[in-house]
Amino acid sequence: MPLQNLLTPRRVHLLGGVSDAGKTRFVIPAVANWTGAPSWVYVVGDRTLEDAQDTMNDMGINPQSIVTVPAFGQHNKSSLMEIMCAVENQAPQAELIVIEGFQDFCPGTGTKRDVREYLSNAHAYLGKTRAHPNGLTILGVVESPKLKPTERYSDPRQRISGPAGWGYHASTVMLIEPADKNDSMAVPERIMWICHKGVQRRKVDGTFDALNRLVFPSL
């Protein structure tokens, strides 16, 4: 199933995983190499622009080839509205917005109600407008807590940090985890759980290639 079939247009989707699972090393090359991909923008909300560019360079990707909106450090943005305004100014033709640190822009204390309101407001940006005749799609990159297998929810949609509302109110949830039974990050193999709303979840296998990109060949 190609990536474009995982991201239904005009929805909010989530890509989750613990730190160093490979979320960034999957999503940037996957979208950049997506044949016929919509115009897209990469929002760096969890690290400095320089750190993000270092990661791109390490993967053999020219940072200048990716339309990037910095939202951390010197270019800090504190809300989703600020991000959407910056995207409108810098990439008005964008149809897909990939937001690193998506959870960090949720206002309040992160209660289930806060998450519901945040994702509801995010969906409100996605409709067709004169500026965006095809509408917008958001892929939020989020963190998952590092837990022992016996401590995890059986449903991967619920393994995103914080209230279960993250998985409940999003469309497709993709969760990257180590394939090693001991959850070792030193082993390059990964699995991805793909959980569509209302559809049986499935699992695909992946690994890091010679360019340090995380690839899932069956996608």
C-alpha atoms as a PDB file:
ATOM      1  CA  MET A   1       0.000   0.000   0.000  1.00  0.00           C
ATOM      2  CA  PRO A   2       1.687   3.258  -1.119  1.00  0.00           C
ATOM      3  CA  LEU A   3       2.064   6.083   1.384  1.00  0.00           C
ATOM      4  CA  GLN A   4      -0.533   8.165  -0.419  1.00  0.00           C
ATOM      5  CA  ASN A   5      -3.126   5.474   0.308  1.00  0.00           C
ATOM      6  CA  LEU A   6      -2.386   5.776   4.019  1.00  0.00           C
ATOM      7  CA  LEU A   7      -3.003   9.514   4.175  1.00  0.00           C
ATOM      8  CA  THR A   8      -6.590  10.203   3.191  1.00  0.00           C
ATOM      9  CA  PRO A   9      -6.811  13.850   2.075  1.00  0.00           C
ATOM     10  CA  ARG A  10      -8.280  16.470   4.395  1.00  0.00           C
ATOM     11  CA  ARG A  11      -7.715  14.446   7.558  1.00  0.00           C
ATOM     12  CA  VAL A  12      -5.385  14.634  10.565  1.00  0.00           C
ATOM     13  CA  HIS A  13      -3.068  11.616  10.731  1.00  0.00           C
ATOM     14  CA  LEU A  14      -0.442  10.696  13.321  1.00  0.00           C
ATOM     15  CA  LEU A  15       3.004   9.119  13.062  1.00  0.00           C
ATOM     16  CA  GLY A  16       4.173   7.978  16.493  1.00  0.00           C
ATOM     17  CA  GLY A  17       7.092   6.242  18.130  1.00  0.00           C
ATOM     18  CA  VAL A  18       9.591   6.614  20.944  1.00  0.00           C
ATOM     19  CA  SER A  19      12.602   8.875  20.545  1.00  0.00           C
ATOM     20  CA  ASP A  20      15.102   7.416  18.019  1.00  0.00           C
ATOM     21  CA  ALA A  21      12.533   4.995  16.603  1.00  0.00           C
ATOM     22  CA  GLY A  22      13.132   6.543  13.179  1.00  0.00           C
ATOM     23  CA  LYS A  23      10.047   8.689  12.642  1.00  0.00           C
ATOM     24  CA  THR A  24      11.890  11.568  10.982  1.00  0.00           C
ATOM     25  CA  ARG A  25      14.154   9.222   9.029  1.00  0.00           C
ATOM     26  CA  PHE A  26      11.039   7.568   7.632  1.00  0.00           C
ATOM     27  CA  VAL A  27       8.712  10.468   6.958  1.00  0.00           C
ATOM     28  CA  ILE A  28      11.031  12.949   5.196  1.00  0.00           C
ATOM     29  CA  PRO A  29      12.355  10.585   2.497  1.00  0.00           C
ATOM     30  CA  ALA A  30       8.986   8.817   2.214  1.00  0.00           C
ATOM     31  CA  VAL A  31       7.181  12.045   1.343  1.00  0.00           C
ATOM     32  CA  ALA A  32      10.086  13.504  -0.654  1.00  0.00           C
ATOM     33  CA  ASN A  33      10.201  10.353  -2.822  1.00  0.00           C
ATOM     34  CA  TRP A  34       6.426   9.985  -3.092  1.00  0.00           C
ATOM     35  CA  THR A  35       5.658   9.832  -6.803  1.00  0.00           C
ATOM     36  CA  GLY A  36       3.065  12.454  -7.623  1.00  0.00           C
ATOM     37  CA  ALA A  37       3.109  13.783  -4.064  1.00  0.00           C
ATOM     38  CA  PRO A  38       1.058  16.888  -3.316  1.00  0.00           C
ATOM     39  CA  SER A  39       2.893  20.103  -2.562  1.00  0.00           C
ATOM     40  CA  TRP A  40       4.059  19.750   1.022  1.00  0.00           C
ATOM     41  CA  VAL A  41       5.811  21.581   3.818  1.00  0.00           C
ATOM     42  CA  TYR A  42       7.856  20.291   6.740  1.00  0.00           C
ATOM     43  CA  VAL A  43       7.309  22.056  10.082  1.00  0.00           C
ATOM     44  CA  VAL A  44      10.167  21.642  12.555  1.00  0.00           C
ATOM     45  CA  GLY A  45       8.496  22.070  15.932  1.00  0.00           C
ATOM     46  CA  ASP A  46      10.636  19.929  18.224  1.00  0.00           C
ATOM     47  CA  ARG A  47      14.230  20.893  17.415  1.00  0.00           C
ATOM     48  CA  THR A  48      16.251  23.690  15.867  1.00  0.00           C
ATOM     49  CA  LEU A  49      16.271  24.192  12.140  1.00  0.00           C
ATOM     50  CA  GLU A  50      19.993  23.378  12.136  1.00  0.00           C
ATOM     51  CA  ASP A  51      19.378  20.007  13.819  1.00  0.00           C
ATOM     52  CA  ALA A  52      16.705  19.172  11.256  1.00  0.00           C
ATOM     53  CA  GLN A  53      19.014  20.125   8.409  1.00  0.00           C
ATOM     54  CA  ASP A  54      21.783  17.971   9.883  1.00  0.00           C
ATOM     55  CA  THR A  55      19.421  14.989   9.793  1.00  0.00           C
ATOM     56  CA  MET A  56      18.508  15.682   6.173  1.00  0.00           C
ATOM     57  CA  ASN A  57      22.165  15.967   5.201  1.00  0.00           C
ATOM     58  CA  ASP A  58      22.920  12.692   6.986  1.00  0.00           C
ATOM     59  CA  MET A  59      20.240  11.011   4.845  1.00  0.00           C
ATOM     60  CA  GLY A  60      21.683  12.439   1.645  1.00  0.00           C
ATOM     61  CA  ILE A  61      18.813  14.905   1.218  1.00  0.00           C
ATOM     62  CA  ASN A  62      19.516  18.514   0.307  1.00  0.00           C
ATOM     63  CA  PRO A  63      17.732  20.637   2.959  1.00  0.00           C
ATOM     64  CA  GLN A  64      17.135  23.309   0.320  1.00  0.00           C
ATOM     65  CA  SER A  65      14.938  20.842  -1.579  1.00  0.00           C
ATOM     66  CA  ILE A  66      12.449  20.640   1.319  1.00  0.00           C
ATOM     67  CA  VAL A  67      10.139  23.563   2.039  1.00  0.00           C
ATOM     68  CA  THR A  68      10.672  23.961   5.776  1.00  0.00           C
ATOM     69  CA  VAL A  69       8.931  26.097   8.393  1.00  0.00           C
ATOM     70  CA  PRO A  70      10.980  26.376  11.614  1.00  0.00           C
ATOM     71  CA  ALA A  71       8.900  26.578  14.802  1.00  0.00           C
ATOM     72  CA  PHE A  72      11.429  26.066  17.601  1.00  0.00           C
ATOM     73  CA  GLY A  73      14.172  28.096  19.238  1.00  0.00           C
ATOM     74  CA  GLN A  74      14.885  31.358  17.425  1.00  0.00           C
ATOM     75  CA  HIS A  75      11.786  30.768  15.263  1.00  0.00           C
ATOM     76  CA  ASN A  76       9.558  29.542  18.088  1.00  0.00           C
ATOM     77  CA  LYS A  77       5.823  29.236  17.502  1.00  0.00           C
ATOM     78  CA  SER A  78       3.506  28.447  20.371  1.00  0.00           C
ATOM     79  CA  SER A  79       0.268  27.408  18.700  1.00  0.00           C
ATOM     80  CA  LEU A  80      -1.132  25.576  15.721  1.00  0.00           C
ATOM     81  CA  MET A  81      -2.624  28.858  14.512  1.00  0.00           C
ATOM     82  CA  GLU A  82       0.847  30.410  14.352  1.00  0.00           C
ATOM     83  CA  ILE A  83       2.067  27.401  12.385  1.00  0.00           C
ATOM     84  CA  MET A  84      -0.813  27.574   9.920  1.00  0.00           C
ATOM     85  CA  CYS A  85      -0.209  31.304   9.397  1.00  0.00           C
ATOM     86  CA  ALA A  86       3.487  30.653   8.745  1.00  0.00           C
ATOM     87  CA  VAL A  87       2.636  27.879   6.274  1.00  0.00           C
ATOM     88  CA  GLU A  88       0.170  30.184   4.514  1.00  0.00           C
ATOM     89  CA  ASN A  89       2.872  32.840   4.152  1.00  0.00           C
ATOM     90  CA  GLN A  90       5.741  30.563   3.180  1.00  0.00           C
ATOM     91  CA  ALA A  91       4.030  27.766   1.256  1.00  0.00           C
ATOM     92  CA  PRO A  92       0.534  28.898   0.254  1.00  0.00           C
ATOM     93  CA  GLN A  93       0.165  26.058  -2.262  1.00  0.00           C
ATOM     94  CA  ALA A  94       0.891  23.321   0.259  1.00  0.00           C
ATOM     95  CA  GLU A  95      -1.629  20.484   0.476  1.00  0.00           C
ATOM     96  CA  LEU A  96       0.233  18.301   3.000  1.00  0.00           C
ATOM     97  CA  ILE A  97       1.756  19.611   6.236  1.00  0.00           C
ATOM     98  CA  VAL A  98       4.127  17.372   8.207  1.00  0.00           C
ATOM     99  CA  ILE A  99       4.483  18.736  11.754  1.00  0.00           C
ATOM    100  CA  GLU A 100       7.245  17.443  14.024  1.00  0.00           C
ATOM    101  CA  GLY A 101       6.385  17.848  17.707  1.00  0.00           C
ATOM    102  CA  PHE A 102       2.674  18.000  16.885  1.00  0.00           C
ATOM    103  CA  GLN A 103       1.691  17.209  20.473  1.00  0.00           C
ATOM    104  CA  ASP A 104       3.660  20.142  21.828  1.00  0.00           C
ATOM    105  CA  PHE A 105       1.205  22.641  20.385  1.00  0.00           C
ATOM    106  CA  CYS A 106      -1.803  21.218  22.229  1.00  0.00           C
ATOM    107  CA  PRO A 107      -2.985  23.936  24.652  1.00  0.00           C
ATOM    108  CA  GLY A 108      -3.954  23.268  28.235  1.00  0.00           C
ATOM    109  CA  THR A 109      -2.570  20.494  30.383  1.00  0.00           C
ATOM    110  CA  GLY A 110      -3.027  17.661  27.901  1.00  0.00           C
ATOM    111  CA  THR A 111      -6.266  16.231  29.276  1.00  0.00           C
ATOM    112  CA  LYS A 112      -8.543  14.191  27.050  1.00  0.00           C
ATOM    113  CA  ARG A 113     -10.733  17.260  26.587  1.00  0.00           C
ATOM    114  CA  ASP A 114      -7.696  19.380  25.626  1.00  0.00           C
ATOM    115  CA  VAL A 115      -6.666  16.784  23.044  1.00  0.00           C
ATOM    116  CA  ARG A 116     -10.182  16.609  21.636  1.00  0.00           C
ATOM    117  CA  GLU A 117     -10.377  20.380  21.241  1.00  0.00           C
ATOM    118  CA  TYR A 118      -6.923  20.550  19.689  1.00  0.00           C
ATOM    119  CA  LEU A 119      -7.603  17.850  17.101  1.00  0.00           C
ATOM    120  CA  SER A 120     -11.054  19.256  16.407  1.00  0.00           C
ATOM    121  CA  ASN A 121      -9.526  22.667  15.723  1.00  0.00           C
ATOM    122  CA  ALA A 122      -6.842  21.054  13.560  1.00  0.00           C
ATOM    123  CA  HIS A 123      -9.511  19.394  11.429  1.00  0.00           C
ATOM    124  CA  ALA A 124     -11.196  22.772  10.992  1.00  0.00           C
ATOM    125  CA  TYR A 125      -8.204  23.997   8.952  1.00  0.00           C
ATOM    126  CA  LEU A 126      -8.469  21.219   6.404  1.00  0.00           C
ATOM    127  CA  GLY A 127     -11.486  22.119   4.284  1.00  0.00           C
ATOM    128  CA  LYS A 128     -11.296  23.359   0.710  1.00  0.00           C
ATOM    129  CA  THR A 129     -10.805  27.110   0.392  1.00  0.00           C
ATOM    130  CA  ARG A 130      -9.912  29.547  -2.385  1.00  0.00           C
ATOM    131  CA  ALA A 131      -6.294  29.385  -1.224  1.00  0.00           C
ATOM    132  CA  HIS A 132      -6.338  25.592  -0.936  1.00  0.00           C
ATOM    133  CA  PRO A 133      -8.825  24.244  -3.501  1.00  0.00           C
ATOM    134  CA  ASN A 134      -7.787  20.657  -2.721  1.00  0.00           C
ATOM    135  CA  GLY A 135      -7.880  21.172   1.039  1.00  0.00           C
ATOM    136  CA  LEU A 136      -5.103  20.402   3.506  1.00  0.00           C
ATOM    137  CA  THR A 137      -3.867  17.202   5.129  1.00  0.00           C
ATOM    138  CA  ILE A 138      -1.906  17.161   8.389  1.00  0.00           C
ATOM    139  CA  LEU A 139       0.530  14.440   9.398  1.00  0.00           C
ATOM    140  CA  GLY A 140       1.474  15.057  13.024  1.00  0.00           C
ATOM    141  CA  VAL A 141       4.687  13.411  14.247  1.00  0.00           C
ATOM    142  CA  VAL A 142       4.293  12.570  17.934  1.00  0.00           C
ATOM    143  CA  GLU A 143       6.095  10.803  20.750  1.00  0.00           C
ATOM    144  CA  SER A 144       5.126   7.504  22.371  1.00  0.00           C
ATOM    145  CA  PRO A 145       6.206   6.526  25.883  1.00  0.00           C
ATOM    146  CA  LYS A 146       8.933   3.894  26.157  1.00  0.00           C
ATOM    147  CA  LEU A 147       7.213   0.982  27.867  1.00  0.00           C
ATOM    148  CA  LYS A 148       7.900  -2.684  28.342  1.00  0.00           C
ATOM    149  CA  PRO A 149       5.823  -4.909  26.037  1.00  0.00           C
ATOM    150  CA  THR A 150       3.799  -6.135  29.031  1.00  0.00           C
ATOM    151  CA  GLU A 151       2.869  -2.541  29.900  1.00  0.00           C
ATOM    152  CA  ARG A 152       1.617  -1.486  26.475  1.00  0.00           C
ATOM    153  CA  TYR A 153      -1.966  -1.183  25.329  1.00  0.00           C
ATOM    154  CA  SER A 154      -2.804  -4.032  22.987  1.00  0.00           C
ATOM    155  CA  ASP A 155      -4.217  -1.541  20.463  1.00  0.00           C
ATOM    156  CA  PRO A 156      -1.353   0.421  18.815  1.00  0.00           C
ATOM    157  CA  ARG A 157      -3.689   3.404  18.310  1.00  0.00           C
ATOM    158  CA  GLN A 158      -3.594   3.871  22.082  1.00  0.00           C
ATOM    159  CA  ARG A 159       0.203   3.853  22.425  1.00  0.00           C
ATOM    160  CA  ILE A 160       0.606   7.570  21.731  1.00  0.00           C
ATOM    161  CA  SER A 161       1.697   9.543  24.793  1.00  0.00           C
ATOM    162  CA  GLY A 162      -1.081  11.058  26.873  1.00  0.00           C
ATOM    163  CA  PRO A 163      -4.823  10.433  26.675  1.00  0.00           C
ATOM    164  CA  ALA A 164      -6.238   7.841  24.309  1.00  0.00           C
ATOM    165  CA  GLY A 165      -7.973  10.744  22.560  1.00  0.00           C
ATOM    166  CA  TRP A 166      -4.919  11.193  20.310  1.00  0.00           C
ATOM    167  CA  GLY A 167      -5.606   7.902  18.590  1.00  0.00           C
ATOM    168  CA  TYR A 168      -9.365   8.154  18.900  1.00  0.00           C
ATOM    169  CA  HIS A 169      -9.778  11.526  17.196  1.00  0.00           C
ATOM    170  CA  ALA A 170      -7.110  11.096  14.492  1.00  0.00           C
ATOM    171  CA  SER A 171      -7.632   9.300  11.202  1.00  0.00           C
ATOM    172  CA  THR A 172      -4.756   6.936  10.326  1.00  0.00           C
ATOM    173  CA  VAL A 173      -2.265   6.259  13.129  1.00  0.00           C
ATOM    174  CA  MET A 174       1.136   4.870  12.160  1.00  0.00           C
ATOM    175  CA  LEU A 175       3.309   3.660  15.020  1.00  0.00           C
ATOM    176  CA  ILE A 176       6.998   2.762  14.620  1.00  0.00           C
ATOM    177  CA  GLU A 177       8.532   0.383  17.160  1.00  0.00           C
ATOM    178  CA  PRO A 178      11.733  -1.700  17.440  1.00  0.00           C
ATOM    179  CA  ALA A 179      11.384  -5.191  16.001  1.00  0.00           C
ATOM    180  CA  ASP A 180      13.771  -6.577  18.618  1.00  0.00           C
ATOM    181  CA  LYS A 181      11.956  -8.430  21.395  1.00  0.00           C
ATOM    182  CA  ASN A 182      14.012  -6.491  23.945  1.00  0.00           C
ATOM    183  CA  ASP A 183      13.065  -3.160  22.334  1.00  0.00           C
ATOM    184  CA  SER A 184      16.705  -2.440  21.565  1.00  0.00           C
ATOM    185  CA  MET A 185      17.259   0.675  19.448  1.00  0.00           C
ATOM    186  CA  ALA A 186      20.705  -0.674  18.491  1.00  0.00           C
ATOM    187  CA  VAL A 187      19.058  -3.251  16.211  1.00  0.00           C
ATOM    188  CA  PRO A 188      18.114  -1.579  12.887  1.00  0.00           C
ATOM    189  CA  GLU A 189      14.950  -3.556  12.227  1.00  0.00           C
ATOM    190  CA  ARG A 190      11.653  -1.784  12.903  1.00  0.00           C
ATOM    191  CA  ILE A 191       7.978  -2.592  12.611  1.00  0.00           C
ATOM    192  CA  MET A 192       5.205  -0.171  11.771  1.00  0.00           C
ATOM    193  CA  TRP A 193       1.639  -0.620  12.899  1.00  0.00           C
ATOM    194  CA  ILE A 194      -0.787   0.958  10.433  1.00  0.00           C
ATOM    195  CA  CYS A 195      -4.139   1.664  12.031  1.00  0.00           C
ATOM    196  CA  HIS A 196      -6.823   3.171   9.834  1.00  0.00           C
ATOM    197  CA  LYS A 197      -9.927   4.526  11.477  1.00  0.00           C
ATOM    198  CA  GLY A 198     -12.444   1.699  11.579  1.00  0.00           C
ATOM    199  CA  VAL A 199     -10.196  -0.753   9.691  1.00  0.00           C
ATOM    200  CA  GLN A 200      -8.246  -3.737  10.978  1.00  0.00           C
ATOM    201  CA  ARG A 201      -4.675  -2.756  11.851  1.00  0.00           C
ATOM    202  CA  ARG A 202      -1.744  -4.323  10.048  1.00  0.00           C
ATOM    203  CA  LYS A 203       2.006  -4.582  10.592  1.00  0.00           C
ATOM    204  CA  VAL A 204       4.832  -3.998   8.108  1.00  0.00           C
ATOM    205  CA  ASP A 205       8.567  -4.617   8.501  1.00  0.00           C
ATOM    206  CA  GLY A 206      11.344  -2.137   7.839  1.00  0.00           C
ATOM    207  CA  THR A 207      14.990  -1.313   8.427  1.00  0.00           C
ATOM    208  CA  PHE A 208      17.516   1.489   7.971  1.00  0.00           C
ATOM    209  CA  ASP A 209      19.258   1.583   4.617  1.00  0.00           C
ATOM    210  CA  ALA A 210      22.788   2.667   3.701  1.00  0.00           C
ATOM    211  CA  LEU A 211      21.710   6.340   3.811  1.00  0.00           C
ATOM    212  CA  ASN A 212      20.288   5.966   7.325  1.00  0.00           C
ATOM    213  CA  ARG A 213      16.755   6.255   6.011  1.00  0.00           C
ATOM    214  CA  LEU A 214      14.062   4.068   7.536  1.00  0.00           C
ATOM    215  CA  VAL A 215      12.340   2.179   4.742  1.00  0.00           C
ATOM    216  CA  PHE A 216       9.387  -0.190   4.711  1.00  0.00           C
ATOM    217  CA  PRO A 217       9.639  -2.019   1.351  1.00  0.00           C
ATOM    218  CA  SER A 218       6.063  -3.288   1.357  1.00  0.00           C
ATOM    219  CA  LEU A 219       4.590   0.223   1.466  1.00  0.00           C
END
